[in-house]
Structure formats: C-alpha cells, structure tokens
N, C-alpha and C. Protein backbone atom coordinates (compact mmCIF):
# COMPACT_ATOMS: atom_id res chain seq x y z
N MET A 1 37.96 -0.48 -11.76
CA MET A 1 36.69 -0.77 -11.17
C MET A 1 35.70 0.32 -11.31
N GLU A 2 34.48 0.18 -11.55
CA GLU A 2 33.49 1.23 -11.63
C GLU A 2 33.21 1.86 -10.24
N ASN A 3 32.95 3.09 -10.20
CA ASN A 3 32.50 3.71 -9.02
C ASN A 3 31.17 3.32 -8.62
N VAL A 4 31.04 3.44 -7.28
CA VAL A 4 29.64 3.07 -6.69
C VAL A 4 28.50 3.99 -7.10
N LYS A 5 27.39 3.50 -7.42
CA LYS A 5 26.23 4.46 -7.76
C LYS A 5 25.33 4.39 -6.52
N LEU A 6 25.11 5.52 -5.92
CA LEU A 6 24.40 5.84 -4.73
C LEU A 6 23.14 6.56 -4.95
N ALA A 7 22.00 6.00 -4.52
CA ALA A 7 20.76 6.84 -4.55
C ALA A 7 20.57 7.21 -3.05
N ILE A 8 20.31 8.45 -2.88
CA ILE A 8 19.95 9.02 -1.58
C ILE A 8 18.37 9.30 -1.61
N ILE A 9 17.59 8.62 -1.06
CA ILE A 9 16.11 8.71 -1.13
C ILE A 9 15.62 9.28 0.21
N TYR A 10 14.95 10.33 0.17
CA TYR A 10 14.41 11.01 1.34
C TYR A 10 13.04 11.44 1.19
N TYR A 11 12.47 11.64 2.44
CA TYR A 11 11.17 12.39 2.50
C TYR A 11 11.47 13.53 3.54
N SER A 12 10.95 14.73 3.27
CA SER A 12 11.10 15.87 4.26
C SER A 12 9.98 16.78 3.99
N SER A 13 9.34 16.99 5.12
CA SER A 13 8.28 18.02 4.96
C SER A 13 8.79 19.50 5.40
N THR A 14 9.70 19.64 6.31
CA THR A 14 10.16 21.08 6.58
C THR A 14 11.61 21.22 6.42
N GLY A 15 12.31 20.18 5.94
CA GLY A 15 13.71 20.40 5.45
C GLY A 15 14.79 19.64 6.21
N THR A 16 14.43 19.05 7.36
CA THR A 16 15.51 18.43 8.21
C THR A 16 16.19 17.16 7.45
N ASN A 17 15.32 16.31 6.76
CA ASN A 17 15.87 15.10 6.23
C ASN A 17 16.57 15.55 4.77
N TYR A 18 16.01 16.56 4.20
CA TYR A 18 16.71 17.06 3.07
C TYR A 18 18.12 17.45 3.33
N GLN A 19 18.32 18.15 4.57
CA GLN A 19 19.55 18.55 4.92
C GLN A 19 20.53 17.34 5.27
N LEU A 20 20.01 16.37 5.98
CA LEU A 20 20.75 15.12 6.06
C LEU A 20 21.21 14.47 4.84
N ALA A 21 20.23 14.49 3.83
CA ALA A 21 20.48 13.92 2.43
C ALA A 21 21.63 14.62 1.80
N LYS A 22 21.53 16.03 1.91
CA LYS A 22 22.64 16.94 1.31
C LYS A 22 24.04 16.59 1.86
N TRP A 23 24.13 16.48 3.20
CA TRP A 23 25.27 16.14 3.92
C TRP A 23 25.92 14.84 3.39
N ALA A 24 24.98 13.92 3.22
CA ALA A 24 25.38 12.53 2.80
C ALA A 24 25.94 12.72 1.35
N GLU A 25 25.26 13.42 0.48
CA GLU A 25 25.66 13.50 -0.86
C GLU A 25 27.09 14.13 -0.94
N GLU A 26 27.30 15.13 -0.13
CA GLU A 26 28.61 15.79 -0.17
C GLU A 26 29.69 14.73 0.18
N ALA A 27 29.53 13.98 1.21
CA ALA A 27 30.64 13.04 1.57
C ALA A 27 30.62 11.92 0.58
N ALA A 28 29.52 11.45 0.01
CA ALA A 28 29.70 10.26 -0.97
C ALA A 28 30.33 10.70 -2.16
N LYS A 29 30.06 11.95 -2.71
CA LYS A 29 30.73 12.43 -3.78
C LYS A 29 32.30 12.59 -3.54
N GLU A 30 32.74 12.97 -2.35
CA GLU A 30 34.10 13.08 -2.01
C GLU A 30 34.69 11.72 -1.92
N ALA A 31 33.90 10.74 -1.61
CA ALA A 31 34.31 9.30 -1.62
C ALA A 31 34.46 8.63 -3.06
N GLY A 32 33.96 9.37 -3.98
CA GLY A 32 34.13 8.86 -5.35
C GLY A 32 32.85 8.39 -5.96
N ALA A 33 31.85 8.35 -5.20
CA ALA A 33 30.41 7.81 -5.65
C ALA A 33 29.79 8.73 -6.71
N GLU A 34 29.03 8.00 -7.61
CA GLU A 34 28.10 8.78 -8.39
C GLU A 34 26.80 8.88 -7.65
N VAL A 35 26.24 10.03 -7.41
CA VAL A 35 25.21 10.17 -6.50
C VAL A 35 23.97 10.79 -7.20
N LYS A 36 22.80 10.35 -6.76
CA LYS A 36 21.44 10.88 -7.15
C LYS A 36 20.78 11.31 -5.74
N VAL A 37 20.22 12.43 -5.62
CA VAL A 37 19.36 12.60 -4.46
C VAL A 37 18.01 12.92 -5.00
N VAL A 38 17.07 12.00 -4.48
CA VAL A 38 15.74 12.00 -4.96
C VAL A 38 14.75 11.98 -3.82
N LYS A 39 13.59 12.54 -4.09
CA LYS A 39 12.60 12.61 -2.93
C LYS A 39 11.36 11.62 -3.31
N VAL A 40 10.81 10.94 -2.21
CA VAL A 40 9.58 10.18 -2.56
C VAL A 40 8.45 11.15 -2.81
N PRO A 41 7.39 10.64 -3.62
CA PRO A 41 6.26 11.43 -3.88
C PRO A 41 5.54 11.82 -2.68
N GLU A 42 5.09 13.17 -2.69
CA GLU A 42 4.26 13.76 -1.53
C GLU A 42 2.90 13.23 -1.70
N LEU A 43 2.31 12.76 -0.59
CA LEU A 43 0.96 12.25 -0.54
C LEU A 43 -0.07 13.18 0.10
N ALA A 44 0.54 14.12 0.88
CA ALA A 44 -0.33 15.06 1.65
C ALA A 44 -1.08 16.02 0.82
N PRO A 45 -2.39 16.38 1.19
CA PRO A 45 -3.10 17.18 0.29
C PRO A 45 -2.49 18.51 0.26
N LYS A 46 -2.66 19.34 -0.80
CA LYS A 46 -2.15 20.73 -0.92
C LYS A 46 -2.50 21.61 0.12
N GLU A 47 -3.77 21.36 0.74
CA GLU A 47 -4.34 22.24 1.83
C GLU A 47 -3.48 22.06 3.05
N ALA A 48 -3.05 20.84 3.26
CA ALA A 48 -2.27 20.61 4.48
C ALA A 48 -0.94 21.31 4.35
N ILE A 49 -0.32 21.18 3.16
CA ILE A 49 1.06 21.79 3.07
C ILE A 49 0.92 23.34 3.09
N GLU A 50 -0.15 23.90 2.57
CA GLU A 50 -0.23 25.29 2.63
C GLU A 50 -0.59 25.94 3.93
N SER A 51 -1.12 24.97 4.84
CA SER A 51 -1.43 25.55 6.15
C SER A 51 -0.32 25.66 7.09
N ASN A 52 0.86 25.09 6.76
CA ASN A 52 2.10 25.14 7.49
C ASN A 52 3.08 25.89 6.66
N PRO A 53 3.39 27.21 7.13
CA PRO A 53 4.42 27.93 6.42
C PRO A 53 5.78 27.30 6.15
N ALA A 54 6.30 26.58 7.24
CA ALA A 54 7.61 25.95 6.95
C ALA A 54 7.45 24.86 5.89
N TRP A 55 6.39 24.11 5.89
CA TRP A 55 6.22 23.06 4.96
C TRP A 55 6.04 23.48 3.54
N LYS A 56 5.15 24.54 3.46
CA LYS A 56 5.01 25.19 2.21
C LYS A 56 6.26 25.70 1.58
N ALA A 57 7.15 26.39 2.46
CA ALA A 57 8.39 27.05 2.05
C ALA A 57 9.34 25.99 1.52
N HIS A 58 9.39 24.87 2.30
CA HIS A 58 10.29 23.78 1.87
C HIS A 58 9.93 23.06 0.66
N ALA A 59 8.63 22.91 0.51
CA ALA A 59 8.13 22.30 -0.76
C ALA A 59 8.44 23.18 -1.99
N GLU A 60 8.31 24.47 -1.84
CA GLU A 60 8.67 25.29 -2.95
C GLU A 60 10.20 25.31 -3.26
N ALA A 61 10.88 25.32 -2.13
CA ALA A 61 12.46 25.36 -2.29
C ALA A 61 12.98 24.17 -2.91
N THR A 62 12.39 22.97 -2.82
CA THR A 62 12.84 21.75 -3.35
C THR A 62 11.90 21.19 -4.49
N LYS A 63 11.22 22.02 -5.07
CA LYS A 63 10.36 21.56 -6.17
C LYS A 63 11.09 20.96 -7.39
N ASP A 64 12.44 21.33 -7.55
CA ASP A 64 13.05 20.91 -8.66
C ASP A 64 13.97 19.61 -8.38
N VAL A 65 13.80 19.09 -7.14
CA VAL A 65 14.54 17.92 -6.66
C VAL A 65 13.78 16.70 -7.46
N PRO A 66 14.40 15.84 -8.16
CA PRO A 66 13.79 14.88 -8.84
C PRO A 66 13.04 13.80 -7.85
N THR A 67 11.91 13.25 -8.39
CA THR A 67 11.14 12.36 -7.57
C THR A 67 11.72 10.88 -7.83
N ALA A 68 11.76 10.25 -6.70
CA ALA A 68 12.30 8.75 -6.80
C ALA A 68 11.45 7.94 -7.73
N THR A 69 12.23 7.02 -8.48
CA THR A 69 11.52 6.02 -9.31
C THR A 69 12.11 4.63 -9.07
N LEU A 70 11.42 3.72 -9.61
CA LEU A 70 11.90 2.34 -9.44
C LEU A 70 13.13 2.27 -10.33
N GLU A 71 13.31 3.03 -11.33
CA GLU A 71 14.60 2.98 -12.01
C GLU A 71 15.84 3.39 -11.18
N ASP A 72 15.54 4.33 -10.24
CA ASP A 72 16.64 4.74 -9.38
C ASP A 72 17.13 3.60 -8.47
N LEU A 73 16.22 2.77 -8.04
CA LEU A 73 16.51 1.64 -7.23
C LEU A 73 17.40 0.63 -7.90
N GLU A 74 16.96 0.39 -9.24
CA GLU A 74 17.53 -0.64 -10.13
C GLU A 74 18.99 -0.15 -10.42
N TRP A 75 19.17 1.06 -10.69
CA TRP A 75 20.43 1.77 -11.04
C TRP A 75 21.37 1.79 -9.85
N ALA A 76 20.95 1.85 -8.65
CA ALA A 76 21.82 2.04 -7.61
C ALA A 76 22.55 0.78 -7.09
N ASP A 77 23.79 0.91 -6.66
CA ASP A 77 24.53 -0.19 -5.93
C ASP A 77 24.29 -0.09 -4.45
N ALA A 78 24.04 1.21 -4.04
CA ALA A 78 23.79 1.49 -2.58
C ALA A 78 22.67 2.52 -2.42
N ILE A 79 21.89 2.52 -1.41
CA ILE A 79 20.84 3.44 -1.11
C ILE A 79 20.94 3.88 0.37
N ILE A 80 20.84 5.20 0.47
CA ILE A 80 20.65 5.81 1.86
C ILE A 80 19.33 6.40 1.92
N PHE A 81 18.55 6.02 2.95
CA PHE A 81 17.25 6.60 3.11
C PHE A 81 17.35 7.53 4.30
N SER A 82 16.58 8.67 4.18
CA SER A 82 16.45 9.57 5.33
C SER A 82 15.06 10.03 5.54
N VAL A 83 14.49 9.83 6.67
CA VAL A 83 12.94 10.19 6.82
C VAL A 83 12.65 10.53 8.22
N PRO A 84 11.66 11.25 8.38
CA PRO A 84 11.12 11.60 9.81
C PRO A 84 10.32 10.42 10.24
N THR A 85 10.39 10.27 11.64
CA THR A 85 9.55 9.21 12.25
C THR A 85 8.01 9.65 12.19
N ARG A 86 7.16 8.69 12.17
CA ARG A 86 5.73 8.89 12.23
C ARG A 86 5.16 7.82 13.20
N PHE A 87 5.04 8.33 14.45
CA PHE A 87 4.56 7.26 15.43
C PHE A 87 5.45 6.04 15.49
N GLY A 88 6.73 6.27 15.45
CA GLY A 88 7.76 5.15 15.52
C GLY A 88 7.80 4.35 14.26
N ASN A 89 7.32 4.88 13.19
CA ASN A 89 7.38 4.12 12.00
C ASN A 89 7.77 5.10 10.78
N ILE A 90 7.89 4.48 9.64
CA ILE A 90 8.34 5.34 8.46
C ILE A 90 7.08 6.03 7.98
N PRO A 91 7.26 7.32 7.43
CA PRO A 91 6.20 8.08 6.89
C PRO A 91 5.38 7.27 5.79
N SER A 92 4.19 7.58 5.53
CA SER A 92 3.34 6.98 4.60
C SER A 92 3.92 7.16 3.20
N GLN A 93 4.54 8.38 3.03
CA GLN A 93 5.16 8.68 1.69
C GLN A 93 6.22 7.67 1.17
N LEU A 94 7.16 7.37 2.16
CA LEU A 94 8.11 6.31 1.81
C LEU A 94 7.48 4.91 1.77
N LYS A 95 6.53 4.63 2.74
CA LYS A 95 5.87 3.27 2.62
C LYS A 95 5.12 3.02 1.37
N GLN A 96 4.53 4.13 0.83
CA GLN A 96 3.90 3.95 -0.49
C GLN A 96 4.85 3.65 -1.54
N PHE A 97 5.95 4.31 -1.50
CA PHE A 97 7.08 4.10 -2.64
C PHE A 97 7.60 2.68 -2.51
N LEU A 98 7.85 2.21 -1.21
CA LEU A 98 8.37 0.92 -1.04
C LEU A 98 7.38 -0.21 -1.45
N ASP A 99 6.14 0.13 -1.35
CA ASP A 99 5.13 -0.92 -1.70
C ASP A 99 5.00 -0.95 -3.17
N THR A 100 5.70 -0.24 -4.00
CA THR A 100 5.64 -0.33 -5.40
C THR A 100 6.77 -1.13 -5.98
N THR A 101 7.62 -1.73 -5.01
CA THR A 101 8.90 -2.35 -5.41
C THR A 101 8.79 -3.80 -5.59
N GLY A 102 7.53 -4.37 -5.43
CA GLY A 102 7.29 -5.77 -5.62
C GLY A 102 7.85 -6.44 -6.91
N GLY A 103 7.69 -5.71 -7.94
CA GLY A 103 8.11 -6.34 -9.31
C GLY A 103 9.65 -6.36 -9.23
N LEU A 104 10.42 -5.41 -8.84
CA LEU A 104 11.79 -5.43 -8.78
C LEU A 104 12.24 -6.57 -7.77
N TRP A 105 11.53 -6.60 -6.73
CA TRP A 105 11.93 -7.68 -5.69
C TRP A 105 11.69 -9.13 -6.24
N ALA A 106 10.60 -9.37 -7.03
CA ALA A 106 10.28 -10.65 -7.53
C ALA A 106 11.33 -10.98 -8.54
N GLN A 107 11.96 -10.11 -9.21
CA GLN A 107 12.88 -10.39 -10.23
C GLN A 107 14.37 -10.45 -9.64
N GLY A 108 14.48 -10.25 -8.34
CA GLY A 108 15.83 -10.43 -7.56
C GLY A 108 16.58 -9.19 -7.80
N LYS A 109 16.00 -8.01 -8.23
CA LYS A 109 16.89 -6.87 -8.56
C LYS A 109 17.20 -5.95 -7.35
N LEU A 110 16.55 -6.32 -6.23
CA LEU A 110 16.88 -5.56 -5.10
C LEU A 110 17.84 -6.26 -4.07
N ALA A 111 18.15 -7.52 -4.39
CA ALA A 111 19.07 -8.37 -3.63
C ALA A 111 20.49 -7.71 -3.77
N ASN A 112 21.22 -7.72 -2.63
CA ASN A 112 22.59 -7.33 -2.55
C ASN A 112 22.84 -5.77 -2.67
N LYS A 113 21.63 -4.98 -2.68
CA LYS A 113 21.94 -3.64 -2.57
C LYS A 113 22.37 -3.29 -1.22
N VAL A 114 23.33 -2.29 -1.14
CA VAL A 114 23.86 -1.96 0.17
C VAL A 114 22.95 -0.75 0.74
N VAL A 115 22.44 -0.85 1.90
CA VAL A 115 21.47 0.11 2.29
C VAL A 115 21.80 0.64 3.72
N SER A 116 21.47 1.85 3.91
CA SER A 116 21.68 2.49 5.32
C SER A 116 20.60 3.53 5.50
N ALA A 117 20.27 3.86 6.73
CA ALA A 117 19.13 4.90 6.96
C ALA A 117 19.39 5.81 8.08
N MET A 118 18.70 6.86 7.92
CA MET A 118 18.82 8.05 8.82
C MET A 118 17.36 8.52 9.21
N ALA A 119 17.17 9.16 10.36
CA ALA A 119 15.76 9.52 10.73
C ALA A 119 15.84 10.72 11.59
N SER A 120 14.65 11.39 11.81
CA SER A 120 14.48 12.55 12.64
C SER A 120 13.20 12.52 13.44
N ALA A 121 13.11 13.26 14.54
CA ALA A 121 11.91 13.36 15.25
C ALA A 121 11.96 14.68 16.08
N GLY A 122 10.79 15.02 16.69
CA GLY A 122 10.73 16.30 17.36
C GLY A 122 11.23 16.23 18.78
N ASN A 123 11.42 15.04 19.24
CA ASN A 123 12.10 15.02 20.66
C ASN A 123 13.02 13.81 20.75
N ALA A 124 13.89 13.77 21.69
CA ALA A 124 15.03 12.91 21.90
C ALA A 124 14.56 11.49 21.86
N HIS A 125 13.38 11.08 22.24
CA HIS A 125 12.89 9.69 22.29
C HIS A 125 11.62 9.47 21.55
N GLY A 126 11.60 10.15 20.26
CA GLY A 126 10.44 10.17 19.57
C GLY A 126 10.27 9.09 18.57
N GLY A 127 11.07 7.99 18.62
CA GLY A 127 10.93 6.86 17.68
C GLY A 127 11.99 6.76 16.65
N GLN A 128 13.02 7.63 16.66
CA GLN A 128 14.06 7.53 15.62
C GLN A 128 14.55 6.16 15.27
N GLU A 129 15.06 5.48 16.50
CA GLU A 129 15.71 4.19 16.41
C GLU A 129 14.74 3.16 15.76
N GLN A 130 13.46 3.26 16.26
CA GLN A 130 12.41 2.28 15.80
C GLN A 130 12.14 2.51 14.33
N THR A 131 12.11 3.82 13.98
CA THR A 131 11.89 4.12 12.52
C THR A 131 12.90 3.47 11.55
N ILE A 132 14.10 3.57 12.01
CA ILE A 132 15.16 3.05 11.21
C ILE A 132 15.12 1.46 11.25
N LEU A 133 14.74 0.83 12.26
CA LEU A 133 14.65 -0.62 12.45
C LEU A 133 13.56 -1.14 11.58
N GLN A 134 12.37 -0.35 11.56
CA GLN A 134 11.20 -0.72 10.76
C GLN A 134 11.61 -0.68 9.27
N LEU A 135 12.33 0.33 8.98
CA LEU A 135 12.75 0.37 7.53
C LEU A 135 13.68 -0.81 7.10
N TYR A 136 14.59 -1.08 8.08
CA TYR A 136 15.59 -2.23 7.80
C TYR A 136 14.78 -3.57 7.70
N THR A 137 13.55 -3.67 8.27
CA THR A 137 12.82 -4.92 8.09
C THR A 137 12.55 -5.18 6.65
N THR A 138 12.09 -4.07 5.94
CA THR A 138 11.78 -4.20 4.53
C THR A 138 13.05 -4.57 3.73
N MET A 139 14.15 -3.99 4.18
CA MET A 139 15.38 -4.31 3.45
C MET A 139 15.87 -5.86 3.57
N TYR A 140 15.46 -6.34 4.76
CA TYR A 140 15.78 -7.76 4.83
C TYR A 140 15.08 -8.61 3.90
N HIS A 141 13.79 -8.22 3.67
CA HIS A 141 12.92 -8.90 2.70
C HIS A 141 13.53 -8.80 1.32
N TRP A 142 14.08 -7.61 1.03
CA TRP A 142 14.74 -7.37 -0.28
C TRP A 142 15.90 -8.29 -0.38
N GLY A 143 16.54 -8.68 0.64
CA GLY A 143 17.87 -9.43 0.48
C GLY A 143 18.95 -8.31 0.53
N ALA A 144 18.71 -7.24 0.83
CA ALA A 144 19.73 -6.16 0.81
C ALA A 144 20.70 -6.19 2.03
N ILE A 145 21.78 -5.55 1.95
CA ILE A 145 22.89 -5.65 2.88
C ILE A 145 22.90 -4.43 3.67
N VAL A 146 22.48 -4.55 5.04
CA VAL A 146 22.28 -3.37 5.76
C VAL A 146 23.67 -2.93 6.36
N VAL A 147 24.02 -1.69 6.16
CA VAL A 147 25.28 -1.13 6.64
C VAL A 147 25.00 0.07 7.68
N ALA A 148 25.00 -0.42 9.03
CA ALA A 148 24.64 0.53 9.97
C ALA A 148 26.02 1.20 10.36
N PRO A 149 26.00 2.39 10.86
CA PRO A 149 27.34 3.02 11.31
C PRO A 149 27.93 2.49 12.54
N GLY A 150 26.97 1.95 13.39
CA GLY A 150 27.54 1.32 14.70
C GLY A 150 28.34 2.42 15.53
N TYR A 151 29.41 2.02 16.05
CA TYR A 151 30.21 3.02 16.70
C TYR A 151 31.64 2.93 16.14
N THR A 152 31.60 3.04 14.74
CA THR A 152 32.93 2.87 13.98
C THR A 152 33.53 4.32 13.85
N ASP A 153 32.99 5.42 14.35
CA ASP A 153 33.61 6.55 14.44
C ASP A 153 33.07 7.40 15.58
N GLN A 154 33.98 8.24 16.10
CA GLN A 154 33.54 9.03 17.34
C GLN A 154 32.42 10.03 17.02
N SER A 155 32.30 10.40 15.78
CA SER A 155 31.16 11.42 15.51
C SER A 155 29.80 10.88 15.89
N ALA A 156 29.76 9.56 16.10
CA ALA A 156 28.35 9.10 16.47
C ALA A 156 27.87 9.60 17.83
N PHE A 157 28.91 9.77 18.65
CA PHE A 157 28.42 10.12 20.05
C PHE A 157 27.93 11.65 20.06
N ALA A 158 28.62 12.51 19.29
CA ALA A 158 28.12 13.90 19.17
C ALA A 158 26.80 14.01 18.59
N ALA A 159 26.48 13.00 17.78
CA ALA A 159 25.17 13.05 17.04
C ALA A 159 24.02 12.30 17.87
N GLY A 160 24.40 11.93 19.15
CA GLY A 160 23.35 11.28 19.93
C GLY A 160 23.53 9.70 20.14
N GLY A 161 24.58 9.23 19.48
CA GLY A 161 24.96 7.79 19.77
C GLY A 161 24.01 6.75 19.22
N ASN A 162 23.27 6.88 18.08
CA ASN A 162 22.48 5.84 17.54
C ASN A 162 23.23 4.99 16.69
N PRO A 163 23.39 3.65 17.04
CA PRO A 163 24.34 2.78 16.20
C PRO A 163 23.64 2.33 14.93
N TYR A 164 22.33 2.44 14.87
CA TYR A 164 21.52 1.90 13.79
C TYR A 164 21.54 2.94 12.54
N GLY A 165 21.84 4.09 12.76
CA GLY A 165 21.91 5.21 11.69
C GLY A 165 21.78 6.36 12.29
N THR A 166 22.39 7.45 11.77
CA THR A 166 22.27 8.76 12.37
C THR A 166 20.81 9.22 12.54
N SER A 167 20.53 9.72 13.69
CA SER A 167 19.18 10.25 13.88
C SER A 167 19.32 11.64 14.62
N VAL A 168 18.43 12.48 14.35
CA VAL A 168 18.52 13.79 14.93
C VAL A 168 17.10 14.22 15.61
N THR A 169 17.13 15.13 16.56
CA THR A 169 16.12 15.90 17.16
C THR A 169 15.97 17.14 16.63
N VAL A 170 14.84 17.69 16.41
CA VAL A 170 14.55 19.04 15.80
C VAL A 170 13.71 19.78 16.88
N ASP A 171 14.34 21.04 17.13
CA ASP A 171 13.59 21.80 18.13
C ASP A 171 12.38 22.55 17.56
N GLN A 172 11.80 23.43 18.29
CA GLN A 172 10.56 24.07 17.93
C GLN A 172 10.79 25.13 16.88
N ASN A 173 12.02 25.52 16.58
CA ASN A 173 12.43 26.39 15.53
C ASN A 173 12.90 25.71 14.26
N GLY A 174 12.74 24.38 14.26
CA GLY A 174 13.12 23.61 13.16
C GLY A 174 14.63 23.39 12.97
N LYS A 175 15.33 23.67 14.11
CA LYS A 175 16.85 23.47 14.03
C LYS A 175 17.24 22.15 14.56
N ILE A 176 18.23 21.53 13.95
CA ILE A 176 18.82 20.16 14.44
C ILE A 176 19.52 20.42 15.79
N VAL A 177 19.24 19.69 16.74
CA VAL A 177 19.80 19.87 18.12
C VAL A 177 21.20 19.36 18.24
N GLU A 178 21.41 18.14 17.56
CA GLU A 178 22.69 17.56 17.70
C GLU A 178 23.70 17.92 16.71
N ASN A 179 24.96 17.74 16.97
CA ASN A 179 26.08 17.98 16.09
C ASN A 179 26.20 16.78 15.13
N ALA A 180 25.40 16.70 14.10
CA ALA A 180 25.18 15.43 13.39
C ALA A 180 25.90 15.44 12.04
N GLU A 181 26.33 16.64 11.55
CA GLU A 181 26.97 16.51 10.19
C GLU A 181 28.13 15.54 9.98
N ALA A 182 29.02 15.55 10.95
CA ALA A 182 30.11 14.57 10.82
C ALA A 182 29.74 13.19 10.84
N ALA A 183 28.65 12.83 11.70
CA ALA A 183 28.14 11.46 11.65
C ALA A 183 27.49 11.08 10.37
N VAL A 184 26.59 12.09 9.88
CA VAL A 184 25.96 11.72 8.58
C VAL A 184 27.10 11.39 7.50
N LYS A 185 28.09 12.25 7.48
CA LYS A 185 29.20 12.08 6.44
C LYS A 185 29.95 10.76 6.65
N HIS A 186 30.16 10.44 7.90
CA HIS A 186 30.87 9.16 8.19
C HIS A 186 29.98 8.01 7.79
N GLN A 187 28.65 8.11 8.12
CA GLN A 187 27.78 7.02 7.61
C GLN A 187 27.64 6.95 6.05
N ALA A 188 27.70 8.05 5.30
CA ALA A 188 27.62 8.00 3.92
C ALA A 188 28.90 7.43 3.38
N ARG A 189 30.13 7.74 3.82
CA ARG A 189 31.43 7.18 3.45
C ARG A 189 31.54 5.66 3.69
N ARG A 190 31.01 5.31 4.86
CA ARG A 190 31.03 3.92 5.19
C ARG A 190 30.16 3.13 4.24
N THR A 191 28.96 3.60 3.92
CA THR A 191 28.09 3.02 2.97
C THR A 191 28.71 2.81 1.63
N VAL A 192 29.39 3.83 1.14
CA VAL A 192 30.01 3.81 -0.14
C VAL A 192 31.16 2.83 -0.13
N GLN A 193 31.87 2.78 0.99
CA GLN A 193 33.03 1.91 1.12
C GLN A 193 32.60 0.38 1.03
N VAL A 194 31.62 0.00 1.77
CA VAL A 194 31.21 -1.32 1.85
C VAL A 194 30.55 -1.63 0.31
N ALA A 195 29.84 -0.71 -0.16
CA ALA A 195 29.20 -0.94 -1.45
C ALA A 195 30.44 -1.24 -2.49
N GLN A 196 31.41 -0.45 -2.36
CA GLN A 196 32.53 -0.71 -3.26
C GLN A 196 33.21 -2.02 -3.12
N TRP A 197 33.43 -2.46 -1.92
CA TRP A 197 33.83 -3.79 -1.69
C TRP A 197 32.94 -4.91 -2.26
N ILE A 198 31.62 -4.74 -2.14
CA ILE A 198 30.76 -5.76 -2.68
C ILE A 198 30.71 -5.75 -4.16
N LYS A 199 30.72 -4.51 -4.74
CA LYS A 199 30.71 -4.34 -6.09
C LYS A 199 31.98 -4.90 -6.79
N ASN A 200 33.15 -4.63 -6.24
CA ASN A 200 34.38 -5.21 -6.72
C ASN A 200 34.36 -6.70 -6.58
N GLY A 201 33.85 -7.27 -5.53
CA GLY A 201 33.82 -8.75 -5.42
C GLY A 201 32.85 -9.44 -6.35
N MET A 202 31.76 -8.78 -6.67
CA MET A 202 30.74 -9.36 -7.61
C MET A 202 31.31 -9.27 -9.07
N GLN A 203 32.28 -8.29 -9.27
CA GLN A 203 32.82 -8.14 -10.70
C GLN A 203 34.01 -9.15 -10.98
N GLN A 204 34.45 -9.82 -9.93
CA GLN A 204 35.61 -10.65 -10.27
C GLN A 204 35.13 -12.09 -10.65
C-alpha cells in the first residue's frame, strides 16, 4: 500500500503555528507519511509586518517555506491546518486560500480528504476551540473526514484538554504556555493512521 500524503498548511505571523506545524511534520514522517509543510499567502501589507519586530523576523526566517497551492490539496490524502485565532475565527490569510478551492470542490476532488486542525491565541479563552470548529465547517462542505484528537491520548490534558484539535496559549514573550508538543505529535500520528485506513480501503 502507498504511504499517506500529508499536507500541513499553516499561517503564522510570529512563529507559534509554524512550530506546531514542524512538530506535526516530525511525527507524521516518523509514522511513514510523505509530508509537505506549506504556508498560506500573506495578505498583510509590508508596513504592518515591518512595524512588528517578531513578525518581521519570522517572515524572514521562513521566507523559503513553500506557499500553499491548490495542487497541494489535490495531492494530499490528509491535511493538518494550524492557525492563530482572529476574533474567534480563522485568519483572513487562510480564509482567502480556502475561498479559492471552489473549482476543486465542484469536481469532487476535496471529498474524503482526512483533515485535522490546531490553533493558538494570546490567552486561554481567546477563541481557539471556536477557530477550529469554524474551520471544520468548511471541511464539512468539502465532504472531508474530520479527525479530531478527542481524548485518545493523555497528552491532550497537558496541552490544555481541547478535544477538537491541539490548541495553545502564547504569553507576552511569544512562548507557548502549555506542554503541547506530545499532543501535536499524537494528533499528527492519529491523522496519518486514519488516512492510511481510508486510503487502503479505497484502493481495494
């Protein structure tokens, strides 16, 4: 059987969701997946980025990370999204990218993709769960198969206990508050495992 193809699609202004994406990549590769880590296009003006030293530094550090394309979605068996919350919703950068997927959707090419999501915010009740659920609403329209971590591993509790997808809080110094690495890696492994079951079943 072919290995699962996993696209990890993220948006990160100062690096938190890039870190989550890299942890997911590490675990997914260990689980045997072929992995692409890609970022959605930045929409913020250059002036806004340069006015924030952390944002500017992260943009420079990740300038060589490939930009997500519709071809990445078509290629993938599974997709993990990682994004910050924006007023309890997904950031406009990801929304813009998702809004370009209508052609693939109309052709049925997004159906049966296995998807999972992660999120971050600046405080413990900053909309992380709602952001993930908002993203999953789009996935239901795709006909995708949502794989939430639930409480299938004890690592969820150290990471804050979000059953919809690993979410983190970032302090004023830009550091992740929770012990989330193990939870992210479990979520990635679980996503790959379920995708492998579905891929194997569809090939029979």
